[in-house]
Amino acid sequence: MKNRNLHIVPAKGWGVKKEGSKRNTFVTLTKSEAIEYGRKMAKKEKSELIIHNLDGKISDKDSYGNDPFPARDMKH
């Protein structure tokens, strides 16, 4: 089974949602808490973490799986 990407999305605070899912897996008041939780899940599931802004646009992506094109930046 292919790992599904995780999204950090605005949702009465901030939510962590698996790609293709209608419901959030986790909801918190702060974006940083949602990112921390999402990062742990993405590492465990070896998937990609996609972080959105309040307007829904993607602000950042982090890959924790077998990425055929690893990132050049060493931000995380």
PDB file of N, CA and C in Angstrom:
ATOM      1  N   MET A   1       0.832  -1.181   0.000  1.00  0.00           N
ATOM      2  CA  MET A   1       0.000   0.000   0.000  1.00  0.00           C
ATOM      3  C   MET A   1       0.880   1.249   0.000  1.00  0.00           C
ATOM      4  N   LYS A   2       0.551   2.172  -0.835  1.00  0.00           N
ATOM      5  CA  LYS A   2       1.321   3.404  -0.939  1.00  0.00           C
ATOM      6  C   LYS A   2       0.978   4.322   0.227  1.00  0.00           C
ATOM      7  N   ASN A   3       2.004   4.949   0.792  1.00  0.00           N
ATOM      8  CA  ASN A   3       1.797   5.878   1.890  1.00  0.00           C
ATOM      9  C   ASN A   3       1.123   7.144   1.383  1.00  0.00           C
ATOM     10  N   ARG A   4       0.149   7.616   2.147  1.00  0.00           N
ATOM     11  CA  ARG A   4      -0.555   8.845   1.775  1.00  0.00           C
ATOM     12  C   ARG A   4       0.137  10.044   2.402  1.00  0.00           C
ATOM     13  N   ASN A   5       0.167  11.135   1.674  1.00  0.00           N
ATOM     14  CA  ASN A   5       0.751  12.369   2.173  1.00  0.00           C
ATOM     15  C   ASN A   5      -0.092  12.927   3.308  1.00  0.00           C
ATOM     16  N   LEU A   6       0.549  13.693   4.182  1.00  0.00           N
ATOM     17  CA  LEU A   6      -0.137  14.359   5.281  1.00  0.00           C
ATOM     18  C   LEU A   6      -0.143  15.855   5.017  1.00  0.00           C
ATOM     19  N   HIS A   7      -1.259  16.504   5.310  1.00  0.00           N
ATOM     20  CA  HIS A   7      -1.405  17.935   5.073  1.00  0.00           C
ATOM     21  C   HIS A   7      -1.683  18.645   6.386  1.00  0.00           C
ATOM     22  N   ILE A   8      -1.043  19.782   6.594  1.00  0.00           N
ATOM     23  CA  ILE A   8      -1.336  20.673   7.706  1.00  0.00           C
ATOM     24  C   ILE A   8      -2.261  21.738   7.130  1.00  0.00           C
ATOM     25  N   VAL A   9      -3.502  21.787   7.626  1.00  0.00           N
ATOM     26  CA  VAL A   9      -4.519  22.654   7.046  1.00  0.00           C
ATOM     27  C   VAL A   9      -5.229  23.478   8.126  1.00  0.00           C
ATOM     28  N   PRO A  10      -5.723  24.675   7.757  1.00  0.00           N
ATOM     29  CA  PRO A  10      -6.513  25.447   8.717  1.00  0.00           C
ATOM     30  C   PRO A  10      -7.868  24.777   8.929  1.00  0.00           C
ATOM     31  N   ALA A  11      -8.277  24.637  10.216  1.00  0.00           N
ATOM     32  CA  ALA A  11      -9.547  23.989  10.540  1.00  0.00           C
ATOM     33  C   ALA A  11      -9.915  24.273  11.988  1.00  0.00           C
ATOM     34  N   LYS A  12     -10.630  25.376  12.253  1.00  0.00           N
ATOM     35  CA  LYS A  12     -10.948  25.774  13.634  1.00  0.00           C
ATOM     36  C   LYS A  12      -9.701  25.649  14.493  1.00  0.00           C
ATOM     37  N   GLY A  13      -8.650  26.230  14.030  1.00  0.00           N
ATOM     38  CA  GLY A  13      -7.301  26.059  14.554  1.00  0.00           C
ATOM     39  C   GLY A  13      -6.488  25.494  13.397  1.00  0.00           C
ATOM     40  N   TRP A  14      -5.764  24.421  13.653  1.00  0.00           N
ATOM     41  CA  TRP A  14      -4.980  23.767  12.597  1.00  0.00           C
ATOM     42  C   TRP A  14      -5.153  22.263  12.698  1.00  0.00           C
ATOM     43  N   GLY A  15      -5.278  21.605  11.544  1.00  0.00           N
ATOM     44  CA  GLY A  15      -5.490  20.167  11.521  1.00  0.00           C
ATOM     45  C   GLY A  15      -4.430  19.434  10.725  1.00  0.00           C
ATOM     46  N   VAL A  16      -4.287  18.162  11.054  1.00  0.00           N
ATOM     47  CA  VAL A  16      -3.433  17.247  10.299  1.00  0.00           C
ATOM     48  C   VAL A  16      -4.376  16.293   9.592  1.00  0.00           C
ATOM     49  N   LYS A  17      -4.275  16.235   8.269  1.00  0.00           N
ATOM     50  CA  LYS A  17      -5.206  15.435   7.479  1.00  0.00           C
ATOM     51  C   LYS A  17      -4.443  14.540   6.514  1.00  0.00           C
ATOM     52  N   LYS A  18      -4.840  13.271   6.424  1.00  0.00           N
ATOM     53  CA  LYS A  18      -4.263  12.374   5.422  1.00  0.00           C
ATOM     54  C   LYS A  18      -4.877  12.701   4.072  1.00  0.00           C
ATOM     55  N   GLU A  19      -4.061  12.635   3.052  1.00  0.00           N
ATOM     56  CA  GLU A  19      -4.520  12.949   1.704  1.00  0.00           C
ATOM     57  C   GLU A  19      -5.670  12.028   1.315  1.00  0.00           C
ATOM     58  N   GLY A  20      -6.740  12.619   0.808  1.00  0.00           N
ATOM     59  CA  GLY A  20      -7.900  11.853   0.386  1.00  0.00           C
ATOM     60  C   GLY A  20      -8.929  11.644   1.485  1.00  0.00           C
ATOM     61  N   SER A  21      -8.605  12.011   2.697  1.00  0.00           N
ATOM     62  CA  SER A  21      -9.512  11.856   3.831  1.00  0.00           C
ATOM     63  C   SER A  21     -10.401  13.085   3.974  1.00  0.00           C
ATOM     64  N   LYS A  22     -11.614  12.884   4.456  1.00  0.00           N
ATOM     65  CA  LYS A  22     -12.527  14.007   4.663  1.00  0.00           C
ATOM     66  C   LYS A  22     -12.333  14.642   6.028  1.00  0.00           C
ATOM     67  N   ARG A  23     -11.857  13.872   6.997  1.00  0.00           N
ATOM     68  CA  ARG A  23     -11.702  14.358   8.364  1.00  0.00           C
ATOM     69  C   ARG A  23     -10.240  14.520   8.746  1.00  0.00           C
ATOM     70  N   ASN A  24     -10.015  15.434   9.681  1.00  0.00           N
ATOM     71  CA  ASN A  24      -8.679  15.630  10.225  1.00  0.00           C
ATOM     72  C   ASN A  24      -8.349  14.514  11.203  1.00  0.00           C
ATOM     73  N   THR A  25      -7.103  14.083  11.204  1.00  0.00           N
ATOM     74  CA  THR A  25      -6.629  13.092  12.161  1.00  0.00           C
ATOM     75  C   THR A  25      -6.396  13.728  13.515  1.00  0.00           C
ATOM     76  N   PHE A  26      -5.956  14.983  13.510  1.00  0.00           N
ATOM     77  CA  PHE A  26      -5.583  15.699  14.731  1.00  0.00           C
ATOM     78  C   PHE A  26      -5.874  17.173  14.524  1.00  0.00           C
ATOM     79  N   VAL A  27      -6.428  17.839  15.540  1.00  0.00           N
ATOM     80  CA  VAL A  27      -6.703  19.276  15.459  1.00  0.00           C
ATOM     81  C   VAL A  27      -6.131  19.942  16.701  1.00  0.00           C
ATOM     82  N   THR A  28      -5.495  21.099  16.519  1.00  0.00           N
ATOM     83  CA  THR A  28      -4.906  21.866  17.614  1.00  0.00           C
ATOM     84  C   THR A  28      -5.119  23.352  17.365  1.00  0.00           C
ATOM     85  N   LEU A  29      -4.845  24.158  18.360  1.00  0.00           N
ATOM     86  CA  LEU A  29      -5.028  25.602  18.217  1.00  0.00           C
ATOM     87  C   LEU A  29      -3.902  26.281  17.465  1.00  0.00           C
ATOM     88  N   THR A  30      -2.685  25.715  17.514  1.00  0.00           N
ATOM     89  CA  THR A  30      -1.550  26.380  16.869  1.00  0.00           C
ATOM     90  C   THR A  30      -1.012  25.577  15.686  1.00  0.00           C
ATOM     91  N   LYS A  31      -0.509  26.297  14.730  1.00  0.00           N
ATOM     92  CA  LYS A  31       0.075  25.678  13.542  1.00  0.00           C
ATOM     93  C   LYS A  31       1.336  24.902  13.908  1.00  0.00           C
ATOM     94  N   SER A  32       2.133  25.422  14.832  1.00  0.00           N
ATOM     95  CA  SER A  32       3.385  24.751  15.208  1.00  0.00           C
ATOM     96  C   SER A  32       3.124  23.385  15.857  1.00  0.00           C
ATOM     97  N   GLU A  33       2.065  23.280  16.664  1.00  0.00           N
ATOM     98  CA  GLU A  33       1.715  21.981  17.258  1.00  0.00           C
ATOM     99  C   GLU A  33       1.268  20.995  16.185  1.00  0.00           C
ATOM    100  N   ALA A  34       0.501  21.483  15.223  1.00  0.00           N
ATOM    101  CA  ALA A  34       0.046  20.623  14.131  1.00  0.00           C
ATOM    102  C   ALA A  34       1.232  20.138  13.296  1.00  0.00           C
ATOM    103  N   ILE A  35       2.193  21.022  13.044  1.00  0.00           N
ATOM    104  CA  ILE A  35       3.383  20.645  12.273  1.00  0.00           C
ATOM    105  C   ILE A  35       4.195  19.614  13.035  1.00  0.00           C
ATOM    106  N   GLU A  36       4.368  19.814  14.326  1.00  0.00           N
ATOM    107  CA  GLU A  36       5.130  18.863  15.147  1.00  0.00           C
ATOM    108  C   GLU A  36       4.482  17.473  15.117  1.00  0.00           C
ATOM    109  N   TYR A  37       3.166  17.417  15.295  1.00  0.00           N
ATOM    110  CA  TYR A  37       2.447  16.148  15.259  1.00  0.00           C
ATOM    111  C   TYR A  37       2.514  15.528  13.857  1.00  0.00           C
ATOM    112  N   GLY A  38       2.286  16.353  12.830  1.00  0.00           N
ATOM    113  CA  GLY A  38       2.333  15.869  11.453  1.00  0.00           C
ATOM    114  C   GLY A  38       3.704  15.347  11.068  1.00  0.00           C
ATOM    115  N   ARG A  39       4.749  16.012  11.534  1.00  0.00           N
ATOM    116  CA  ARG A  39       6.118  15.577  11.238  1.00  0.00           C
ATOM    117  C   ARG A  39       6.389  14.193  11.845  1.00  0.00           C
ATOM    118  N   LYS A  40       5.941  13.981  13.076  1.00  0.00           N
ATOM    119  CA  LYS A  40       6.111  12.667  13.717  1.00  0.00           C
ATOM    120  C   LYS A  40       5.379  11.581  12.935  1.00  0.00           C
ATOM    121  N   MET A  41       4.139  11.889  12.516  1.00  0.00           N
ATOM    122  CA  MET A  41       3.363  10.917  11.737  1.00  0.00           C
ATOM    123  C   MET A  41       4.024  10.633  10.392  1.00  0.00           C
ATOM    124  N   ALA A  42       4.495  11.686   9.714  1.00  0.00           N
ATOM    125  CA  ALA A  42       5.118  11.521   8.396  1.00  0.00           C
ATOM    126  C   ALA A  42       6.383  10.683   8.490  1.00  0.00           C
ATOM    127  N   LYS A  43       7.172  10.893   9.534  1.00  0.00           N
ATOM    128  CA  LYS A  43       8.386  10.090   9.720  1.00  0.00           C
ATOM    129  C   LYS A  43       8.021   8.631   9.971  1.00  0.00           C
ATOM    130  N   LYS A  44       7.013   8.410  10.798  1.00  0.00           N
ATOM    131  CA  LYS A  44       6.579   7.045  11.121  1.00  0.00           C
ATOM    132  C   LYS A  44       6.041   6.325   9.880  1.00  0.00           C
ATOM    133  N   GLU A  45       5.264   7.048   9.080  1.00  0.00           N
ATOM    134  CA  GLU A  45       4.637   6.455   7.894  1.00  0.00           C
ATOM    135  C   GLU A  45       5.488   6.584   6.638  1.00  0.00           C
ATOM    136  N   LYS A  46       6.647   7.235   6.762  1.00  0.00           N
ATOM    137  CA  LYS A  46       7.539   7.454   5.616  1.00  0.00           C
ATOM    138  C   LYS A  46       6.786   8.093   4.446  1.00  0.00           C
ATOM    139  N   SER A  47       6.172   9.225   4.751  1.00  0.00           N
ATOM    140  CA  SER A  47       5.395   9.926   3.735  1.00  0.00           C
ATOM    141  C   SER A  47       5.827  11.391   3.661  1.00  0.00           C
ATOM    142  N   GLU A  48       5.100  12.177   2.900  1.00  0.00           N
ATOM    143  CA  GLU A  48       5.433  13.581   2.718  1.00  0.00           C
ATOM    144  C   GLU A  48       4.506  14.446   3.568  1.00  0.00           C
ATOM    145  N   LEU A  49       5.049  15.506   4.157  1.00  0.00           N
ATOM    146  CA  LEU A  49       4.292  16.463   4.946  1.00  0.00           C
ATOM    147  C   LEU A  49       4.152  17.737   4.126  1.00  0.00           C
ATOM    148  N   ILE A  50       2.910  18.155   3.898  1.00  0.00           N
ATOM    149  CA  ILE A  50       2.629  19.339   3.093  1.00  0.00           C
ATOM    150  C   ILE A  50       1.950  20.368   3.997  1.00  0.00           C
ATOM    151  N   ILE A  51       2.572  21.527   4.139  1.00  0.00           N
ATOM    152  CA  ILE A  51       2.096  22.558   5.061  1.00  0.00           C
ATOM    153  C   ILE A  51       1.431  23.675   4.272  1.00  0.00           C
ATOM    154  N   HIS A  52       0.187  24.005   4.652  1.00  0.00           N
ATOM    155  CA  HIS A  52      -0.592  25.031   3.976  1.00  0.00           C
ATOM    156  C   HIS A  52      -0.671  26.296   4.827  1.00  0.00           C
ATOM    157  N   ASN A  53      -0.901  27.446   4.181  1.00  0.00           N
ATOM    158  CA  ASN A  53      -1.151  28.721   4.853  1.00  0.00           C
ATOM    159  C   ASN A  53      -2.644  28.842   5.138  1.00  0.00           C
ATOM    160  N   LEU A  54      -3.036  29.936   5.777  1.00  0.00           N
ATOM    161  CA  LEU A  54      -4.456  30.181   6.053  1.00  0.00           C
ATOM    162  C   LEU A  54      -5.303  30.234   4.780  1.00  0.00           C
ATOM    163  N   ASP A  55      -4.724  30.734   3.685  1.00  0.00           N
ATOM    164  CA  ASP A  55      -5.463  30.833   2.428  1.00  0.00           C
ATOM    165  C   ASP A  55      -5.496  29.518   1.656  1.00  0.00           C
ATOM    166  N   GLY A  56      -4.869  28.464   2.194  1.00  0.00           N
ATOM    167  CA  GLY A  56      -4.894  27.151   1.558  1.00  0.00           C
ATOM    168  C   GLY A  56      -3.724  26.874   0.635  1.00  0.00           C
ATOM    169  N   LYS A  57      -2.925  27.884   0.335  1.00  0.00           N
ATOM    170  CA  LYS A  57      -1.772  27.681  -0.540  1.00  0.00           C
ATOM    171  C   LYS A  57      -0.664  26.950   0.213  1.00  0.00           C
ATOM    172  N   ILE A  58       0.099  26.156  -0.512  1.00  0.00           N
ATOM    173  CA  ILE A  58       1.192  25.392   0.085  1.00  0.00           C
ATOM    174  C   ILE A  58       2.347  26.323   0.418  1.00  0.00           C
ATOM    175  N   SER A  59       2.816  26.232   1.669  1.00  0.00           N
ATOM    176  CA  SER A  59       3.941  27.068   2.080  1.00  0.00           C
ATOM    177  C   SER A  59       5.238  26.279   2.176  1.00  0.00           C
ATOM    178  N   ASP A  60       5.141  24.961   2.426  1.00  0.00           N
ATOM    179  CA  ASP A  60       6.354  24.156   2.586  1.00  0.00           C
ATOM    180  C   ASP A  60       6.013  22.680   2.417  1.00  0.00           C
ATOM    181  N   LYS A  61       7.018  21.898   2.038  1.00  0.00           N
ATOM    182  CA  LYS A  61       6.882  20.446   1.915  1.00  0.00           C
ATOM    183  C   LYS A  61       8.120  19.794   2.509  1.00  0.00           C
ATOM    184  N   ASP A  62       7.911  18.685   3.200  1.00  0.00           N
ATOM    185  CA  ASP A  62       9.013  17.899   3.741  1.00  0.00           C
ATOM    186  C   ASP A  62       8.754  16.434   3.427  1.00  0.00           C
ATOM    187  N   SER A  63       9.750  15.734   2.914  1.00  0.00           N
ATOM    188  CA  SER A  63       9.607  14.328   2.571  1.00  0.00           C
ATOM    189  C   SER A  63      10.379  13.469   3.560  1.00  0.00           C
ATOM    190  N   TYR A  64       9.719  12.453   4.080  1.00  0.00           N
ATOM    191  CA  TYR A  64      10.340  11.557   5.051  1.00  0.00           C
ATOM    192  C   TYR A  64      10.332  10.107   4.572  1.00  0.00           C
ATOM    193  N   GLY A  65      10.127   9.897   3.294  1.00  0.00           N
ATOM    194  CA  GLY A  65      10.104   8.552   2.738  1.00  0.00           C
ATOM    195  C   GLY A  65      11.286   8.311   1.834  1.00  0.00           C
ATOM    196  N   ASN A  66      11.121   7.395   0.932  1.00  0.00           N
ATOM    197  CA  ASN A  66      12.152   7.098  -0.060  1.00  0.00           C
ATOM    198  C   ASN A  66      11.967   8.056  -1.223  1.00  0.00           C
ATOM    199  N   ASP A  67      12.485   9.247  -1.071  1.00  0.00           N
ATOM    200  CA  ASP A  67      12.342  10.294  -2.067  1.00  0.00           C
ATOM    201  C   ASP A  67      13.362  10.101  -3.186  1.00  0.00           C
ATOM    202  N   PRO A  68      12.903   9.923  -4.439  1.00  0.00           N
ATOM    203  CA  PRO A  68      13.854   9.744  -5.540  1.00  0.00           C
ATOM    204  C   PRO A  68      14.629  11.023  -5.847  1.00  0.00           C
ATOM    205  N   PHE A  69      14.126  12.170  -5.400  1.00  0.00           N
ATOM    206  CA  PHE A  69      14.793  13.455  -5.602  1.00  0.00           C
ATOM    207  C   PHE A  69      14.958  14.137  -4.247  1.00  0.00           C
ATOM    208  N   PRO A  70      15.959  13.725  -3.452  1.00  0.00           N
ATOM    209  CA  PRO A  70      16.109  14.309  -2.118  1.00  0.00           C
ATOM    210  C   PRO A  70      16.367  15.817  -2.180  1.00  0.00           C
ATOM    211  N   ALA A  71      15.908  16.498  -1.156  1.00  0.00           N
ATOM    212  CA  ALA A  71      16.059  17.950  -1.101  1.00  0.00           C
ATOM    213  C   ALA A  71      17.518  18.348  -0.954  1.00  0.00           C
ATOM    214  N   ARG A  72      17.863  19.489  -1.495  1.00  0.00           N
ATOM    215  CA  ARG A  72      19.223  19.975  -1.396  1.00  0.00           C
ATOM    216  C   ARG A  72      19.419  20.827  -0.148  1.00  0.00           C
ATOM    217  N   ASP A  73      18.323  21.408   0.337  1.00  0.00           N
ATOM    218  CA  ASP A  73      18.468  22.214   1.548  1.00  0.00           C
ATOM    219  C   ASP A  73      18.523  21.314   2.773  1.00  0.00           C
ATOM    220  N   MET A  74      19.156  21.775   3.795  1.00  0.00           N
ATOM    221  CA  MET A  74      19.301  20.996   5.027  1.00  0.00           C
ATOM    222  C   MET A  74      18.552  21.701   6.154  1.00  0.00           C
ATOM    223  N   LYS A  75      17.371  22.217   5.833  1.00  0.00           N
ATOM    224  CA  LYS A  75      16.580  22.975   6.776  1.00  0.00           C
ATOM    225  C   LYS A  75      16.128  22.119   7.966  1.00  0.00           C
ATOM    226  N   HIS A  76      15.745  20.862   7.715  1.00  0.00           N
ATOM    227  CA  HIS A  76      15.212  19.984   8.783  1.00  0.00           C
ATOM    228  C   HIS A  76      16.068  18.759   8.919  1.00  0.00           C
TER     229      HIS A  76
END
